[in-house]
Amino acid sequence: MAGQNISKNARREGSKELLSKWGGKIMMKSVFEKGKMRHFAVCDKTGNEARKPRDLM
């Protein structure tokens, strides 16, 4: 699944289930801070955060 191009919105909606290297699901989250939307990926098992889901795979 890492080889496919999936938009941020599609990842955020949960249309594809991505798994991290630690075995948890990768969830996309969005936070509004400093006047901008910031999107990041979080592993639900370990709580690790990364800018892109690929960094957690």
PDB file of N, CA and C in Angstrom:
ATOM      1  N   MET A   1       0.798  -1.198   0.000  1.00  0.00           N
ATOM      2  CA  MET A   1       0.000   0.000   0.000  1.00  0.00           C
ATOM      3  C   MET A   1       0.841   1.262   0.000  1.00  0.00           C
ATOM      4  N   ALA A   2       2.079   1.180   0.435  1.00  0.00           N
ATOM      5  CA  ALA A   2       2.922   2.362   0.500  1.00  0.00           C
ATOM      6  C   ALA A   2       3.262   2.885  -0.892  1.00  0.00           C
ATOM      7  N   GLY A   3       3.216   2.025  -1.890  1.00  0.00           N
ATOM      8  CA  GLY A   3       3.565   2.428  -3.236  1.00  0.00           C
ATOM      9  C   GLY A   3       2.475   3.203  -3.948  1.00  0.00           C
ATOM     10  N   GLN A   4       1.250   3.131  -3.454  1.00  0.00           N
ATOM     11  CA  GLN A   4       0.144   3.817  -4.102  1.00  0.00           C
ATOM     12  C   GLN A   4       0.086   5.262  -3.653  1.00  0.00           C
ATOM     13  N   ASN A   5      -0.360   6.144  -4.551  1.00  0.00           N
ATOM     14  CA  ASN A   5      -0.552   7.544  -4.185  1.00  0.00           C
ATOM     15  C   ASN A   5      -1.956   7.709  -3.633  1.00  0.00           C
ATOM     16  N   ILE A   6      -2.045   8.086  -2.366  1.00  0.00           N
ATOM     17  CA  ILE A   6      -3.327   8.310  -1.717  1.00  0.00           C
ATOM     18  C   ILE A   6      -3.313   9.739  -1.189  1.00  0.00           C
ATOM     19  N   SER A   7      -4.359  10.492  -1.470  1.00  0.00           N
ATOM     20  CA  SER A   7      -4.390  11.885  -1.017  1.00  0.00           C
ATOM     21  C   SER A   7      -4.509  11.953   0.501  1.00  0.00           C
ATOM     22  N   LYS A   8      -4.137  13.106   1.074  1.00  0.00           N
ATOM     23  CA  LYS A   8      -4.253  13.310   2.522  1.00  0.00           C
ATOM     24  C   LYS A   8      -5.689  13.130   2.974  1.00  0.00           C
ATOM     25  N   ASN A   9      -6.628  13.652   2.192  1.00  0.00           N
ATOM     26  CA  ASN A   9      -8.036  13.557   2.582  1.00  0.00           C
ATOM     27  C   ASN A   9      -8.513  12.111   2.585  1.00  0.00           C
ATOM     28  N   ALA A  10      -8.071  11.331   1.626  1.00  0.00           N
ATOM     29  CA  ALA A  10      -8.462   9.924   1.577  1.00  0.00           C
ATOM     30  C   ALA A  10      -7.899   9.174   2.779  1.00  0.00           C
ATOM     31  N   ARG A  11      -6.680   9.501   3.186  1.00  0.00           N
ATOM     32  CA  ARG A  11      -6.092   8.854   4.352  1.00  0.00           C
ATOM     33  C   ARG A  11      -6.836   9.261   5.613  1.00  0.00           C
ATOM     34  N   ARG A  12      -7.216  10.518   5.673  1.00  0.00           N
ATOM     35  CA  ARG A  12      -7.899  11.033   6.851  1.00  0.00           C
ATOM     36  C   ARG A  12      -9.279  10.408   7.004  1.00  0.00           C
ATOM     37  N   GLU A  13      -9.941  10.144   5.904  1.00  0.00           N
ATOM     38  CA  GLU A  13     -11.276   9.558   5.929  1.00  0.00           C
ATOM     39  C   GLU A  13     -11.219   8.086   6.351  1.00  0.00           C
ATOM     40  N   GLY A  14     -10.095   7.442   6.170  1.00  0.00           N
ATOM     41  CA  GLY A  14      -9.978   6.040   6.572  1.00  0.00           C
ATOM     42  C   GLY A  14     -10.381   5.056   5.487  1.00  0.00           C
ATOM     43  N   SER A  15     -10.309   5.465   4.216  1.00  0.00           N
ATOM     44  CA  SER A  15     -10.694   4.567   3.137  1.00  0.00           C
ATOM     45  C   SER A  15      -9.692   3.414   2.989  1.00  0.00           C
ATOM     46  N   LYS A  16      -8.444   3.647   3.318  1.00  0.00           N
ATOM     47  CA  LYS A  16      -7.430   2.592   3.295  1.00  0.00           C
ATOM     48  C   LYS A  16      -6.878   2.456   4.709  1.00  0.00           C
ATOM     49  N   GLU A  17      -6.658   1.220   5.142  1.00  0.00           N
ATOM     50  CA  GLU A  17      -6.093   1.003   6.468  1.00  0.00           C
ATOM     51  C   GLU A  17      -4.603   0.740   6.329  1.00  0.00           C
ATOM     52  N   LEU A  18      -3.799   1.639   6.864  1.00  0.00           N
ATOM     53  CA  LEU A  18      -2.351   1.516   6.783  1.00  0.00           C
ATOM     54  C   LEU A  18      -1.818   1.009   8.117  1.00  0.00           C
ATOM     55  N   LEU A  19      -0.807   0.136   8.065  1.00  0.00           N
ATOM     56  CA  LEU A  19      -0.223  -0.408   9.288  1.00  0.00           C
ATOM     57  C   LEU A  19       1.197   0.087   9.463  1.00  0.00           C
ATOM     58  N   SER A  20       1.554   0.425  10.689  1.00  0.00           N
ATOM     59  CA  SER A  20       2.907   0.899  10.989  1.00  0.00           C
ATOM     60  C   SER A  20       3.839  -0.295  11.191  1.00  0.00           C
ATOM     61  N   LYS A  21       5.133  -0.001  11.281  1.00  0.00           N
ATOM     62  CA  LYS A  21       6.098  -1.079  11.484  1.00  0.00           C
ATOM     63  C   LYS A  21       6.020  -1.663  12.893  1.00  0.00           C
ATOM     64  N   TRP A  22       5.300  -1.007  13.798  1.00  0.00           N
ATOM     65  CA  TRP A  22       5.109  -1.506  15.155  1.00  0.00           C
ATOM     66  C   TRP A  22       3.821  -2.303  15.293  1.00  0.00           C
ATOM     67  N   GLY A  23       3.038  -2.385  14.207  1.00  0.00           N
ATOM     68  CA  GLY A  23       1.836  -3.199  14.205  1.00  0.00           C
ATOM     69  C   GLY A  23       0.543  -2.449  14.476  1.00  0.00           C
ATOM     70  N   GLY A  24       0.610  -1.149  14.708  1.00  0.00           N
ATOM     71  CA  GLY A  24      -0.596  -0.364  14.954  1.00  0.00           C
ATOM     72  C   GLY A  24      -1.127   0.258  13.676  1.00  0.00           C
ATOM     73  N   LYS A  25      -2.372   0.735  13.734  1.00  0.00           N
ATOM     74  CA  LYS A  25      -2.957   1.419  12.583  1.00  0.00           C
ATOM     75  C   LYS A  25      -2.417   2.835  12.518  1.00  0.00           C
ATOM     76  N   ILE A  26      -2.210   3.339  11.301  1.00  0.00           N
ATOM     77  CA  ILE A  26      -1.768   4.715  11.098  1.00  0.00           C
ATOM     78  C   ILE A  26      -3.004   5.563  10.851  1.00  0.00           C
ATOM     79  N   MET A  27      -3.168   6.583  11.676  1.00  0.00           N
ATOM     80  CA  MET A  27      -4.298   7.498  11.566  1.00  0.00           C
ATOM     81  C   MET A  27      -3.771   8.864  11.151  1.00  0.00           C
ATOM     82  N   MET A  28      -4.478   9.527  10.243  1.00  0.00           N
ATOM     83  CA  MET A  28      -4.136  10.894   9.873  1.00  0.00           C
ATOM     84  C   MET A  28      -4.924  11.838  10.767  1.00  0.00           C
ATOM     85  N   LYS A  29      -4.248  12.855  11.280  1.00  0.00           N
ATOM     86  CA  LYS A  29      -4.904  13.866  12.110  1.00  0.00           C
ATOM     87  C   LYS A  29      -4.587  15.240  11.550  1.00  0.00           C
ATOM     88  N   SER A  30      -5.460  16.182  11.820  1.00  0.00           N
ATOM     89  CA  SER A  30      -5.278  17.567  11.378  1.00  0.00           C
ATOM     90  C   SER A  30      -5.441  18.475  12.585  1.00  0.00           C
ATOM     91  N   VAL A  31      -4.560  19.470  12.677  1.00  0.00           N
ATOM     92  CA  VAL A  31      -4.609  20.428  13.770  1.00  0.00           C
ATOM     93  C   VAL A  31      -4.488  21.819  13.173  1.00  0.00           C
ATOM     94  N   PHE A  32      -5.314  22.735  13.660  1.00  0.00           N
ATOM     95  CA  PHE A  32      -5.236  24.132  13.226  1.00  0.00           C
ATOM     96  C   PHE A  32      -4.406  24.885  14.252  1.00  0.00           C
ATOM     97  N   GLU A  33      -3.192  25.300  13.847  1.00  0.00           N
ATOM     98  CA  GLU A  33      -2.324  26.052  14.761  1.00  0.00           C
ATOM     99  C   GLU A  33      -1.569  27.127  13.992  1.00  0.00           C
ATOM    100  N   LYS A  34      -1.401  28.257  14.634  1.00  0.00           N
ATOM    101  CA  LYS A  34      -0.703  29.407  14.046  1.00  0.00           C
ATOM    102  C   LYS A  34      -1.320  29.816  12.711  1.00  0.00           C
ATOM    103  N   GLY A  35      -2.628  29.709  12.593  1.00  0.00           N
ATOM    104  CA  GLY A  35      -3.330  30.140  11.393  1.00  0.00           C
ATOM    105  C   GLY A  35      -3.226  29.196  10.215  1.00  0.00           C
ATOM    106  N   LYS A  36      -2.722  27.985  10.418  1.00  0.00           N
ATOM    107  CA  LYS A  36      -2.575  27.026   9.324  1.00  0.00           C
ATOM    108  C   LYS A  36      -3.061  25.648   9.760  1.00  0.00           C
ATOM    109  N   MET A  37      -3.518  24.881   8.778  1.00  0.00           N
ATOM    110  CA  MET A  37      -3.869  23.485   9.025  1.00  0.00           C
ATOM    111  C   MET A  37      -2.603  22.652   8.925  1.00  0.00           C
ATOM    112  N   ARG A  38      -2.378  21.796   9.894  1.00  0.00           N
ATOM    113  CA  ARG A  38      -1.216  20.914   9.881  1.00  0.00           C
ATOM    114  C   ARG A  38      -1.723  19.478   9.906  1.00  0.00           C
ATOM    115  N   HIS A  39      -1.304  18.687   8.918  1.00  0.00           N
ATOM    116  CA  HIS A  39      -1.693  17.285   8.819  1.00  0.00           C
ATOM    117  C   HIS A  39      -0.504  16.435   9.246  1.00  0.00           C
ATOM    118  N   PHE A  40      -0.760  15.401  10.031  1.00  0.00           N
ATOM    119  CA  PHE A  40       0.311  14.496  10.432  1.00  0.00           C
ATOM    120  C   PHE A  40      -0.258  13.114  10.675  1.00  0.00           C
ATOM    121  N   ALA A  41       0.624  12.133  10.652  1.00  0.00           N
ATOM    122  CA  ALA A  41       0.236  10.737  10.841  1.00  0.00           C
ATOM    123  C   ALA A  41       0.615  10.309  12.249  1.00  0.00           C
ATOM    124  N   VAL A  42      -0.239   9.486  12.860  1.00  0.00           N
ATOM    125  CA  VAL A  42       0.003   8.996  14.215  1.00  0.00           C
ATOM    126  C   VAL A  42      -0.234   7.494  14.242  1.00  0.00           C
ATOM    127  N   CYS A  43       0.684   6.770  14.884  1.00  0.00           N
ATOM    128  CA  CYS A  43       0.496   5.334  15.113  1.00  0.00           C
ATOM    129  C   CYS A  43      -0.337   5.198  16.381  1.00  0.00           C
ATOM    130  N   ASP A  44      -1.489   4.506  16.293  1.00  0.00           N
ATOM    131  CA  ASP A  44      -2.361   4.416  17.465  1.00  0.00           C
ATOM    132  C   ASP A  44      -1.814   3.480  18.547  1.00  0.00           C
ATOM    133  N   LYS A  45      -0.908   2.592  18.195  1.00  0.00           N
ATOM    134  CA  LYS A  45      -0.357   1.655  19.178  1.00  0.00           C
ATOM    135  C   LYS A  45       0.753   2.303  20.020  1.00  0.00           C
ATOM    136  N   THR A  46       1.679   3.009  19.355  1.00  0.00           N
ATOM    137  CA  THR A  46       2.824   3.582  20.062  1.00  0.00           C
ATOM    138  C   THR A  46       2.710   5.084  20.289  1.00  0.00           C
ATOM    139  N   GLY A  47       1.866   5.764  19.506  1.00  0.00           N
ATOM    140  CA  GLY A  47       1.739   7.210  19.643  1.00  0.00           C
ATOM    141  C   GLY A  47       2.788   7.996  18.876  1.00  0.00           C
ATOM    142  N   ASN A  48       3.606   7.313  18.071  1.00  0.00           N
ATOM    143  CA  ASN A  48       4.613   8.003  17.267  1.00  0.00           C
ATOM    144  C   ASN A  48       3.945   8.888  16.229  1.00  0.00           C
ATOM    145  N   GLU A  49       4.517  10.080  16.001  1.00  0.00           N
ATOM    146  CA  GLU A  49       3.992  11.023  15.015  1.00  0.00           C
ATOM    147  C   GLU A  49       5.006  11.224  13.908  1.00  0.00           C
ATOM    148  N   ALA A  50       4.513  11.440  12.701  1.00  0.00           N
ATOM    149  CA  ALA A  50       5.362  11.748  11.556  1.00  0.00           C
ATOM    150  C   ALA A  50       4.582  12.623  10.598  1.00  0.00           C
ATOM    151  N   ARG A  51       5.289  13.331   9.742  1.00  0.00           N
ATOM    152  CA  ARG A  51       4.640  14.206   8.767  1.00  0.00           C
ATOM    153  C   ARG A  51       3.878  13.420   7.727  1.00  0.00           C
ATOM    154  N   LYS A  52       4.440  12.265   7.328  1.00  0.00           N
ATOM    155  CA  LYS A  52       3.814  11.425   6.306  1.00  0.00           C
ATOM    156  C   LYS A  52       3.651  10.003   6.858  1.00  0.00           C
ATOM    157  N   PRO A  53       2.593   9.306   6.446  1.00  0.00           N
ATOM    158  CA  PRO A  53       2.406   7.923   6.902  1.00  0.00           C
ATOM    159  C   PRO A  53       3.551   7.001   6.480  1.00  0.00           C
ATOM    160  N   ARG A  54       4.160   7.319   5.350  1.00  0.00           N
ATOM    161  CA  ARG A  54       5.278   6.490   4.843  1.00  0.00           C
ATOM    162  C   ARG A  54       6.429   6.438   5.851  1.00  0.00           C
ATOM    163  N   ASP A  55       6.601   7.507   6.640  1.00  0.00           N
ATOM    164  CA  ASP A  55       7.679   7.540   7.638  1.00  0.00           C
ATOM    165  C   ASP A  55       7.446   6.573   8.790  1.00  0.00           C
ATOM    166  N   LEU A  56       6.214   6.151   8.986  1.00  0.00           N
ATOM    167  CA  LEU A  56       5.891   5.209  10.065  1.00  0.00           C
ATOM    168  C   LEU A  56       5.844   3.763   9.585  1.00  0.00           C
ATOM    169  N   MET A  57       5.953   3.544   8.276  1.00  0.00           N
ATOM    170  CA  MET A  57       5.863   2.185   7.743  1.00  0.00           C
ATOM    171  C   MET A  57       7.208   1.488   7.784  1.00  0.00           C
TER     172      MET A  57
END
